[in-house]
């Protein structure tokens, strides 16, 4: 409804007349437009905030996926390196220990006939009064070099089979790990001790009497315990080491 105002118009005759004055209806209603603008501001601001939040979450989601992929790649690298370690140096240690025990216990007896040599503390049960002895044969065909010739060849072949994977392990450590010099040095020390162990085994298999046979067995087994400790330290260091 248009607003109406009245203005007094006094003529000189003394009569009072009232004239109706209407607000023009064809011009813009500024009050309405102002209210509409104010109403639209929250809608526009909300749309902007929603778009920004969506883009921000998308970027965050993409970064989470990138971090996840990096972590999975690192876990795969570590898993592959640990697998190479198991199939090289650790496997070689098991091969050496197994062959030594197999060879040594072939001549093990638990009754001394006067020609035997005590087998060592590992084969002594003081509580049950049981002592193991090595009865080393005088017959050369029964001595280690002849008796284990085929097994010794297979043993050397099995050791050689670990070399390729071992070399790959060294390359992977240099390529993927930060500050790898210390861990590589530990692995080289293990490699060196395993080579020394092979020399003791070679002396064992060439022994011609019981005392000599046991001497190199003891030397090997002392070294083997040291290798086991070194391997445990290496494995722990490998797990803690950061990938590049």
Protein backbone atom coordinates (compact mmCIF):
# COMPACT_ATOMS: atom_id res chain seq x y z
CA UNK A 1 0.00 0.00 0.00
CA UNK A 2 1.45 3.42 -1.02
CA UNK A 3 2.04 5.84 1.78
CA UNK A 4 -0.06 9.04 1.89
CA UNK A 5 0.94 12.37 3.41
CA UNK A 6 -1.10 15.47 3.77
CA UNK A 7 0.11 19.00 3.40
CA UNK A 8 -1.75 22.01 4.39
CA UNK A 9 -2.47 24.54 1.64
CA UNK A 10 -3.83 27.81 2.92
CA UNK A 11 -5.24 30.15 0.30
CA UNK A 12 -5.66 33.78 0.77
CA UNK A 13 -9.45 33.43 1.02
CA UNK A 14 -9.11 31.73 4.35
CA UNK A 15 -10.27 28.28 3.20
CA UNK A 16 -8.19 25.29 4.28
CA UNK A 17 -7.69 22.59 1.61
CA UNK A 18 -5.94 19.20 1.99
CA UNK A 19 -3.84 17.87 -0.85
CA UNK A 20 -2.91 14.07 -1.03
CA UNK A 21 0.77 13.48 -1.75
CA UNK A 22 1.78 9.93 -2.95
CA UNK A 23 5.26 8.39 -3.03
CA UNK A 24 6.13 7.46 -6.64
CA UNK A 25 5.68 3.68 -7.18
CA UNK A 26 7.86 3.33 -10.30
CA UNK A 27 11.31 3.81 -8.56
CA UNK A 28 13.51 1.09 -6.90
CA UNK A 29 12.70 -0.05 -3.38
CA UNK A 30 16.10 0.40 -1.72
CA UNK A 31 15.00 -1.07 1.57
CA UNK A 32 14.06 -4.35 -0.13
CA UNK A 33 17.28 -4.51 -2.13
CA UNK A 34 19.34 -3.87 0.99
CA UNK A 35 17.59 -6.67 2.86
CA UNK A 36 18.10 -9.05 -0.07
CA UNK A 37 21.81 -8.28 -0.25
CA UNK A 38 22.21 -8.89 3.45
CA UNK A 39 20.43 -12.21 3.10
CA UNK A 40 22.68 -13.32 0.23
CA UNK A 41 25.97 -12.55 2.02
CA UNK A 42 25.87 -15.65 4.32
CA UNK A 43 24.96 -17.87 1.34
CA UNK A 44 27.92 -16.64 -0.68
CA UNK A 45 30.29 -16.85 2.27
CA UNK A 46 29.09 -20.37 3.05
CA UNK A 47 29.68 -21.50 -0.51
CA UNK A 48 33.21 -20.09 -0.42
CA UNK A 49 34.03 -21.77 2.90
CA UNK A 50 32.60 -25.09 1.66
CA UNK A 51 34.67 -24.96 -1.54
CA UNK A 52 37.82 -24.07 0.40
CA UNK A 53 37.26 -26.84 2.95
CA UNK A 54 36.64 -29.40 0.19
CA UNK A 55 39.83 -28.41 -1.66
CA UNK A 56 41.81 -28.42 1.58
CA UNK A 57 40.56 -31.90 2.53
CA UNK A 58 41.29 -33.20 -0.98
CA UNK A 59 44.88 -31.97 -0.78
CA UNK A 60 45.23 -33.47 2.69
CA UNK A 61 43.81 -36.77 1.45
CA UNK A 62 46.24 -36.81 -1.47
CA UNK A 63 49.17 -36.13 0.89
CA UNK A 64 48.05 -38.96 3.19
CA UNK A 65 48.00 -41.30 0.19
CA UNK A 66 51.46 -40.15 -0.89
CA UNK A 67 52.81 -40.73 2.65
CA UNK A 68 51.15 -44.15 2.73
CA UNK A 69 52.71 -45.13 -0.60
CA UNK A 70 56.14 -43.99 0.60
CA UNK A 71 55.76 -46.02 3.80
CA UNK A 72 54.70 -49.13 1.85
CA UNK A 73 57.69 -48.72 -0.48
CA UNK A 74 60.03 -48.44 2.50
CA UNK A 75 58.54 -51.53 4.13
CA UNK A 76 58.97 -53.48 0.89
CA UNK A 77 62.60 -52.38 0.62
CA UNK A 78 63.28 -53.48 4.21
CA UNK A 79 61.48 -56.78 3.67
CA UNK A 80 63.49 -57.50 0.51
CA UNK A 81 66.77 -56.60 2.22
CA UNK A 82 66.00 -58.81 5.24
CA UNK A 83 65.07 -61.62 2.84
CA UNK A 84 68.41 -61.22 1.01
CA UNK A 85 70.21 -61.30 4.35
CA UNK A 86 68.39 -64.51 5.35
CA UNK A 87 69.25 -66.13 2.01
CA UNK A 88 72.92 -65.13 2.06
CA UNK A 89 75.01 -64.62 5.19
CA UNK A 90 72.53 -66.06 7.66
CA UNK A 91 71.95 -69.09 5.45
CA UNK A 92 75.70 -69.56 5.07
CA UNK A 93 76.09 -69.61 8.85
CA UNK A 94 73.43 -72.31 9.12
CA UNK A 95 75.10 -74.37 6.37
CA UNK A 96 78.47 -74.21 8.15
CA UNK A 97 77.06 -75.09 11.59
CA UNK A 98 75.01 -77.97 10.20
CA UNK A 99 77.95 -79.50 8.37
CA UNK A 100 80.27 -79.21 11.37
CA UNK A 101 77.76 -80.85 13.73
CA UNK A 102 77.00 -83.60 11.21
CA UNK A 103 80.69 -84.36 10.78
CA UNK A 104 81.57 -84.13 14.49
CA UNK A 105 78.72 -86.25 15.82
CA UNK A 106 79.48 -89.03 13.34
CA UNK A 107 82.46 -89.92 15.58
CA UNK A 108 80.66 -89.25 18.88
CA UNK A 109 80.37 -92.11 21.41
CA UNK A 110 79.39 -92.16 25.08
CA UNK A 111 81.74 -94.88 26.22
CA UNK A 112 85.50 -94.57 26.22
CA UNK A 113 87.29 -97.70 25.12
CA UNK A 114 90.65 -96.18 25.90
CA UNK A 115 91.19 -94.71 22.44
CA UNK A 116 88.70 -91.84 22.69
CA UNK A 117 89.09 -88.13 23.35
CA UNK A 118 86.52 -86.12 25.42
CA UNK A 119 84.15 -84.38 23.02
CA UNK A 120 83.88 -81.21 25.09
CA UNK A 121 81.49 -79.50 27.51
CA UNK A 122 78.67 -79.44 24.99
CA UNK A 123 78.57 -83.22 25.21
CA UNK A 124 78.84 -83.59 28.95
CA UNK A 125 75.96 -84.05 31.39
CA UNK A 126 77.52 -83.87 34.83
CA UNK A 127 74.23 -84.42 36.68
CA UNK A 128 73.56 -87.70 34.90
CA UNK A 129 77.25 -88.66 34.71
CA UNK A 130 77.22 -88.76 30.93
CA UNK A 131 80.29 -87.80 28.93
CA UNK A 132 80.64 -87.75 25.19
CA UNK A 133 83.84 -88.83 23.44
CA UNK A 134 85.21 -88.66 19.93
CA UNK A 135 86.33 -92.02 18.59
CA UNK A 136 88.46 -91.05 15.63
CA UNK A 137 89.03 -93.90 13.16
CA UNK A 138 92.46 -95.11 12.16
CA UNK A 139 91.15 -96.38 8.86
CA UNK A 140 91.71 -93.53 6.35
CA UNK A 141 88.60 -94.47 4.40
CA UNK A 142 86.55 -93.69 7.52
CA UNK A 143 88.34 -90.45 8.31
CA UNK A 144 86.52 -87.17 7.46
CA UNK A 145 88.31 -86.38 4.19
CA UNK A 146 87.21 -89.69 2.64
CA UNK A 147 83.98 -90.28 4.49
CA UNK A 148 82.56 -86.79 3.83
CA UNK A 149 84.04 -86.08 0.41
CA UNK A 150 80.66 -85.96 -1.36
CA UNK A 151 78.96 -84.03 1.44
CA UNK A 152 81.87 -81.60 1.53
CA UNK A 153 81.42 -80.91 -2.19
CA UNK A 154 77.71 -80.27 -1.70
CA UNK A 155 78.48 -78.08 1.30
CA UNK A 156 80.88 -75.90 -0.75
CA UNK A 157 78.30 -75.67 -3.55
CA UNK A 158 75.61 -74.54 -1.11
CA UNK A 159 77.91 -71.87 0.30
CA UNK A 160 78.73 -70.62 -3.19
CA UNK A 161 75.01 -70.35 -3.98
CA UNK A 162 74.65 -67.58 -1.38
CA UNK A 163 77.30 -65.32 -2.96
CA UNK A 164 75.09 -63.63 -5.56
CA UNK A 165 72.41 -62.67 -3.03
CA UNK A 166 75.11 -61.51 -0.61
CA UNK A 167 76.56 -59.13 -3.19
CA UNK A 168 73.08 -57.80 -3.93
CA UNK A 169 72.60 -57.17 -0.21
CA UNK A 170 75.73 -55.01 -0.06
CA UNK A 171 74.50 -53.00 -3.07
CA UNK A 172 71.05 -52.51 -1.53
CA UNK A 173 72.49 -51.27 1.75
CA UNK A 174 74.56 -48.66 -0.08
CA UNK A 175 71.66 -47.63 -2.31
CA UNK A 176 68.72 -47.42 0.08
CA UNK A 177 70.06 -46.64 3.55
CA UNK A 178 71.27 -43.39 5.07
CA UNK A 179 74.59 -43.52 6.94
CA UNK A 180 75.09 -47.15 5.90
CA UNK A 181 78.86 -47.26 6.46
CA UNK A 182 78.56 -48.71 9.97
CA UNK A 183 76.05 -51.40 9.05
CA UNK A 184 78.11 -52.37 5.98
CA UNK A 185 81.20 -52.68 8.18
CA UNK A 186 79.27 -55.04 10.50
CA UNK A 187 78.26 -57.17 7.54
CA UNK A 188 81.84 -57.27 6.22
CA UNK A 189 83.01 -58.43 9.67
CA UNK A 190 80.43 -61.23 9.57
CA UNK A 191 81.57 -62.18 6.07
CA UNK A 192 85.20 -62.28 7.20
CA UNK A 193 84.40 -64.50 10.20
CA UNK A 194 82.36 -66.88 8.03
CA UNK A 195 85.38 -67.22 5.73
CA UNK A 196 87.57 -68.00 8.74
CA UNK A 197 85.00 -70.56 9.82
CA UNK A 198 85.33 -72.26 6.45
CA UNK A 199 89.08 -72.49 6.98
CA UNK A 200 88.54 -74.23 10.34
CA UNK A 201 86.11 -76.66 8.67
CA UNK A 202 88.71 -77.37 5.99
CA UNK A 203 91.22 -78.19 8.74
CA UNK A 204 88.68 -80.39 10.52
CA UNK A 205 87.96 -82.48 7.46
CA UNK A 206 91.69 -82.96 6.84
CA UNK A 207 92.44 -84.01 10.43
CA UNK A 208 94.23 -87.35 10.84
CA UNK A 209 93.73 -87.83 14.58
CA UNK A 210 91.13 -87.16 17.24
CA UNK A 211 93.01 -84.39 19.07
CA UNK A 212 93.48 -82.39 15.87
CA UNK A 213 89.87 -82.97 14.86
CA UNK A 214 88.55 -81.70 18.21
CA UNK A 215 90.96 -78.74 18.23
CA UNK A 216 89.58 -77.28 15.02
CA UNK A 217 86.03 -78.13 16.04
CA UNK A 218 86.47 -76.06 19.21
CA UNK A 219 88.05 -73.22 17.26
CA UNK A 220 85.18 -73.25 14.82
CA UNK A 221 82.49 -73.37 17.49
CA UNK A 222 83.99 -70.48 19.44
CA UNK A 223 84.00 -68.44 16.24
CA UNK A 224 80.44 -69.52 15.43
CA UNK A 225 79.16 -68.14 18.75
CA UNK A 226 80.88 -64.83 17.97
CA UNK A 227 79.24 -64.80 14.52
CA UNK A 228 75.83 -65.41 16.09
CA UNK A 229 76.29 -62.38 18.36
CA UNK A 230 77.43 -60.26 15.41
CA UNK A 231 74.42 -61.33 13.38
CA UNK A 232 72.01 -60.35 16.16
CA UNK A 233 73.65 -56.91 16.38
CA UNK A 234 73.51 -56.54 12.60
CA UNK A 235 69.82 -57.47 12.41
CA UNK A 236 68.94 -54.99 15.17
CA UNK A 237 70.91 -52.23 13.45
CA UNK A 238 69.30 -53.03 10.12
CA UNK A 239 65.79 -52.67 11.53
CA UNK A 240 66.61 -49.32 13.16
CA UNK A 241 68.40 -47.87 10.15
CA UNK A 242 66.50 -45.20 8.15
CA UNK A 243 65.83 -45.58 4.46
CA UNK A 244 66.74 -42.65 2.20
